Structures are given as C-alpha cells and as structure tokens.
C-alpha cells in the first residue's frame, strides 16, 4: 500500500538538539555540585523520555520528581540556544505538505510544541504526541497508535521515521513501516527497519512526492 502518512520522531530526526539537552542535564548536575558529563555520555542516555534521561544522568539515589521538573525548567530556558533543524528536513516536509503528518516523541508535549513553533514547522503536523500524551512512551506502540487514530490513518499506509531503536520497536509493534535515520542521536540497536536514510537528503528518494 502506498505511503500517505508520515510519523516523525523529534530529537535526532527533525532537530539536532543534543547540545541543548546535554546543557540541561549538566545545569542540573551543577546545582548538585556534580561535574559535567560529556555530550557523548548524555547522548547514550537519550531516547526514552526525560524521566529516564535525568535518572541515568544522576548518581544512584539522587533522582527525584523535583529534579526532573528542575531539568524541564532549565532545559526549557536553553533549548533554543544551539538546536537547529537538520538540513533537508524542511524541504522534505514541504514536499509532502498536505499529507497526514504527525510528530511522535518521548519529549514532553509542551516542549515539543514550542520547538515546532519556534522553528516554523508546526503547520506541517496535524498531530503531536508527546511523552506525556499517552499512558506509555515509545517503544510501546501506544503513542504511534494514538497518532494514527488522531490522523484517521491506517497503519498499512504509514511510516515512522526515527533515529532510535525505541522508534523502530514502537513502529513495528504498531504495524507501520519504519525508516531508520542514521544521522541522528540514537542507534538502531539491532532492530531491523524497512528503510534506511543515511542523511535527510535520502528521504525524498525513499519517499518521493507526486509529480507536479
């Protein structure tokens, strides 16, 4: 069945946001008199949502709901400093403007909406499913199924485009095709995908728009 529905992860797929995420983590650590973590270390902690990111970034026993909220506050204050849209992404979205599109991310919904608006791409998406929008986060299929329901789309005609094994697992379990983005933050973790994009410029080749 032809693909007419595009579901996108956010961090590491649409946006290069790793530097600002690492800054948020290290600002929390600084308040606890802990040394900063290298960006490569924080990178390995990203993909499962903010609670696990903060828990992994702090010594055992120091995680709390208060420190999670502190991270969300600090990150929210700095998340536009170094983040950017990956080259080629805006053009790909424009290529498929008018088709069913959604963002399905483990990032908090409010932060996701703000980023999409600040970078001027919110109008492409008819649905935004954040990490606090459904009862489960990716790799659970729930967020993907929620996006399909909102879009009134069929799984068989949808593809989930993401850079992390949580995306691939969620998509496969939900019955949609998956595309792994090798340019992103995460890793496939041995999970197979239907498509592989080495750079965003591979996306129009894999998913061409209709001839005009």
Protein backbone atom coordinates (compact mmCIF):
# COMPACT_ATOMS: atom_id res chain seq x y z
CA UNK A 1 0.00 0.00 0.00
CA UNK A 2 1.40 3.45 -0.89
CA UNK A 3 2.60 5.60 1.99
CA UNK A 4 0.40 8.63 2.65
CA UNK A 5 1.09 9.14 6.37
CA UNK A 6 4.39 10.26 7.88
CA UNK A 7 5.16 9.97 11.59
CA UNK A 8 8.35 11.62 12.81
CA UNK A 9 10.43 11.40 15.93
CA UNK A 10 11.74 14.81 17.04
CA UNK A 11 15.21 14.81 18.64
CA UNK A 12 17.79 13.36 16.30
CA UNK A 13 15.29 13.13 13.45
CA UNK A 14 13.83 16.57 12.76
CA UNK A 15 16.06 18.55 15.12
CA UNK A 16 19.73 18.42 16.07
CA UNK A 17 19.12 19.16 19.74
CA UNK A 18 21.82 17.18 21.51
CA UNK A 19 23.90 20.15 22.72
CA UNK A 20 20.96 21.81 24.45
CA UNK A 21 19.79 18.55 26.03
CA UNK A 22 23.29 17.99 27.43
CA UNK A 23 23.32 21.57 28.72
CA UNK A 24 20.06 20.99 30.59
CA UNK A 25 21.43 17.82 32.18
CA UNK A 26 24.66 19.49 33.22
CA UNK A 27 22.91 22.52 34.70
CA UNK A 28 21.02 20.13 37.00
CA UNK A 29 24.27 18.38 37.89
CA UNK A 30 25.95 21.72 38.58
CA UNK A 31 23.26 22.58 41.13
CA UNK A 32 24.22 19.36 42.93
CA UNK A 33 27.95 20.18 42.74
CA UNK A 34 28.50 17.34 40.27
CA UNK A 35 30.93 17.66 37.34
CA UNK A 36 29.50 17.96 33.84
CA UNK A 37 29.01 14.86 31.73
CA UNK A 38 30.49 14.70 28.23
CA UNK A 39 27.93 15.15 25.50
CA UNK A 40 28.74 11.64 24.26
CA UNK A 41 27.66 10.24 27.64
CA UNK A 42 24.40 12.17 27.71
CA UNK A 43 23.76 11.08 24.14
CA UNK A 44 23.69 7.45 25.26
CA UNK A 45 21.01 8.33 27.82
CA UNK A 46 18.62 9.98 25.34
CA UNK A 47 15.64 8.30 23.70
CA UNK A 48 13.40 7.02 26.47
CA UNK A 49 11.99 10.32 27.75
CA UNK A 50 13.05 12.92 30.30
CA UNK A 51 12.48 10.86 33.48
CA UNK A 52 14.92 8.15 32.40
CA UNK A 53 17.34 10.71 30.98
CA UNK A 54 17.55 12.52 34.32
CA UNK A 55 17.66 9.30 36.31
CA UNK A 56 20.54 7.98 34.19
CA UNK A 57 22.39 11.28 34.42
CA UNK A 58 22.47 11.40 38.23
CA UNK A 59 24.18 9.16 40.76
CA UNK A 60 22.01 6.46 42.26
CA UNK A 61 19.62 7.82 44.86
CA UNK A 62 19.67 11.44 43.67
CA UNK A 63 16.80 11.25 41.20
CA UNK A 64 13.51 12.77 42.30
CA UNK A 65 10.41 14.29 40.73
CA UNK A 66 11.67 17.68 41.87
CA UNK A 67 14.93 17.22 39.96
CA UNK A 68 13.04 16.06 36.89
CA UNK A 69 10.97 19.24 36.99
CA UNK A 70 14.14 21.27 37.51
CA UNK A 71 15.64 19.71 34.39
CA UNK A 72 12.50 20.50 32.38
CA UNK A 73 12.65 24.12 33.56
CA UNK A 74 16.36 24.57 32.85
CA UNK A 75 16.20 22.79 29.51
CA UNK A 76 13.17 24.85 28.54
CA UNK A 77 15.17 28.01 29.21
CA UNK A 78 18.06 26.93 26.97
CA UNK A 79 16.59 24.57 24.37
CA UNK A 80 16.78 27.12 21.55
CA UNK A 81 20.40 28.12 22.00
CA UNK A 82 22.16 25.52 19.85
CA UNK A 83 19.38 23.35 18.41
CA UNK A 84 18.65 23.51 14.71
CA UNK A 85 16.65 21.76 12.02
CA UNK A 86 18.71 19.22 10.13
CA UNK A 87 19.49 20.38 6.58
CA UNK A 88 16.99 18.93 4.12
CA UNK A 89 14.19 18.34 6.64
CA UNK A 90 12.19 21.46 5.91
CA UNK A 91 12.33 20.72 2.19
CA UNK A 92 11.12 17.16 2.74
CA UNK A 93 8.21 18.36 4.85
CA UNK A 94 7.31 20.86 2.14
CA UNK A 95 7.46 18.09 -0.46
CA UNK A 96 4.70 16.26 1.41
CA UNK A 97 2.72 19.24 2.67
CA UNK A 98 -0.97 18.35 2.81
CA UNK A 99 -0.38 14.69 3.61
CA UNK A 100 -1.10 13.25 7.02
CA UNK A 101 1.87 14.02 9.27
CA UNK A 102 2.50 13.83 13.00
CA UNK A 103 5.32 14.06 15.49
CA UNK A 104 5.59 11.11 17.87
CA UNK A 105 8.24 11.78 20.51
CA UNK A 106 9.13 10.88 24.08
CA UNK A 107 9.84 14.57 24.78
CA UNK A 108 7.18 16.38 26.83
CA UNK A 109 4.32 17.64 24.69
CA UNK A 110 4.60 21.32 25.67
CA UNK A 111 8.32 21.44 24.91
CA UNK A 112 7.73 19.69 21.59
CA UNK A 113 5.02 22.12 20.52
CA UNK A 114 7.20 25.08 21.45
CA UNK A 115 10.14 23.76 19.43
CA UNK A 116 7.99 23.10 16.37
CA UNK A 117 6.54 26.60 16.60
CA UNK A 118 9.89 28.31 17.18
CA UNK A 119 11.42 26.58 14.15
CA UNK A 120 8.42 27.37 12.00
CA UNK A 121 7.38 23.82 11.14
CA UNK A 122 4.33 23.27 13.35
CA UNK A 123 1.93 23.85 10.44
CA UNK A 124 3.08 20.65 8.74
CA UNK A 125 1.72 18.42 11.52
CA UNK A 126 -1.90 17.62 12.26
CA UNK A 127 -0.97 15.81 15.48
CA UNK A 128 1.75 15.99 18.13
CA UNK A 129 2.06 13.05 20.52
CA UNK A 130 4.49 13.76 23.35
CA UNK A 131 5.94 11.58 26.06
CA UNK A 132 3.16 12.70 28.42
CA UNK A 133 0.36 12.49 25.82
CA UNK A 134 -0.25 8.75 26.15
CA UNK A 135 -0.13 6.32 29.05
CA UNK A 136 3.07 4.75 27.66
CA UNK A 137 6.16 6.02 25.86
CA UNK A 138 7.95 4.51 22.88
CA UNK A 139 8.99 1.68 22.44
CA UNK A 140 5.39 0.91 23.44
CA UNK A 141 3.18 1.16 20.33
CA UNK A 142 0.60 3.30 22.15
CA UNK A 143 1.91 6.70 21.01
CA UNK A 144 2.09 5.54 17.40
CA UNK A 145 -1.45 4.16 17.55
CA UNK A 146 -2.63 7.42 19.15
CA UNK A 147 -1.15 9.39 16.25
CA UNK A 148 -2.80 7.12 13.69
CA UNK A 149 -6.14 7.49 15.44
CA UNK A 150 -5.86 11.29 15.53
CA UNK A 151 -4.90 11.40 11.86
CA UNK A 152 -7.60 8.86 10.94
CA UNK A 153 -4.86 6.95 9.14
CA UNK A 154 -4.22 3.27 8.53
CA UNK A 155 -1.08 1.61 9.83
CA UNK A 156 -0.50 -0.10 6.48
CA UNK A 157 -0.10 3.24 4.71
CA UNK A 158 2.10 4.89 7.35
CA UNK A 159 5.83 5.09 8.04
CA UNK A 160 7.56 6.08 11.28
CA UNK A 161 10.81 7.95 10.66
CA UNK A 162 13.19 7.96 13.63
CA UNK A 163 16.77 7.65 14.82
CA UNK A 164 16.39 5.34 17.81
CA UNK A 165 15.59 1.69 18.42
CA UNK A 166 12.61 2.86 20.50
CA UNK A 167 11.14 4.31 17.30
CA UNK A 168 11.74 1.12 15.36
CA UNK A 169 10.26 -1.09 18.06
CA UNK A 170 7.21 1.11 18.50
CA UNK A 171 6.58 1.29 14.79
CA UNK A 172 6.97 -2.41 14.13
CA UNK A 173 4.67 -3.34 17.01
CA UNK A 174 2.08 -0.82 15.82
CA UNK A 175 2.16 -2.32 12.33
CA UNK A 176 3.63 0.67 10.47
CA UNK A 177 6.69 0.65 8.30
CA UNK A 178 9.84 2.17 9.78
CA UNK A 179 12.74 4.24 8.46
CA UNK A 180 15.96 4.48 10.48
CA UNK A 181 17.72 7.85 10.39
CA UNK A 182 21.45 7.17 10.61
CA UNK A 183 22.25 10.88 11.08
CA UNK A 184 20.57 11.14 14.47
CA UNK A 185 21.33 10.83 18.15
CA UNK A 186 20.38 7.21 18.73
CA UNK A 187 21.21 3.77 17.40
CA UNK A 188 19.15 1.04 15.77
CA UNK A 189 20.25 -1.39 18.45
CA UNK A 190 19.94 -4.34 16.10
CA UNK A 191 16.26 -3.65 15.39
CA UNK A 192 15.52 -4.01 11.66
CA UNK A 193 13.84 -1.25 9.67
CA UNK A 194 12.07 -1.18 6.33
CA UNK A 195 14.07 1.80 5.08
CA UNK A 196 17.47 3.32 5.86
CA UNK A 197 18.27 7.01 5.36
CA UNK A 198 21.92 7.93 5.83
CA UNK A 199 21.14 11.66 5.62
CA UNK A 200 17.92 13.71 5.41
CA UNK A 201 18.62 14.14 1.71
CA UNK A 202 17.88 10.42 1.25
CA UNK A 203 14.27 10.91 2.35
CA UNK A 204 12.94 12.36 -0.95
CA UNK A 205 14.48 9.41 -2.79
CA UNK A 206 12.88 6.90 -0.43
CA UNK A 207 9.55 8.76 -0.26
CA UNK A 208 9.14 10.87 -3.41
CA UNK A 209 6.33 13.33 -3.73
CA UNK A 210 3.83 13.23 -6.54
CA UNK A 211 4.87 14.71 -9.86
CA UNK A 212 3.51 18.21 -10.34
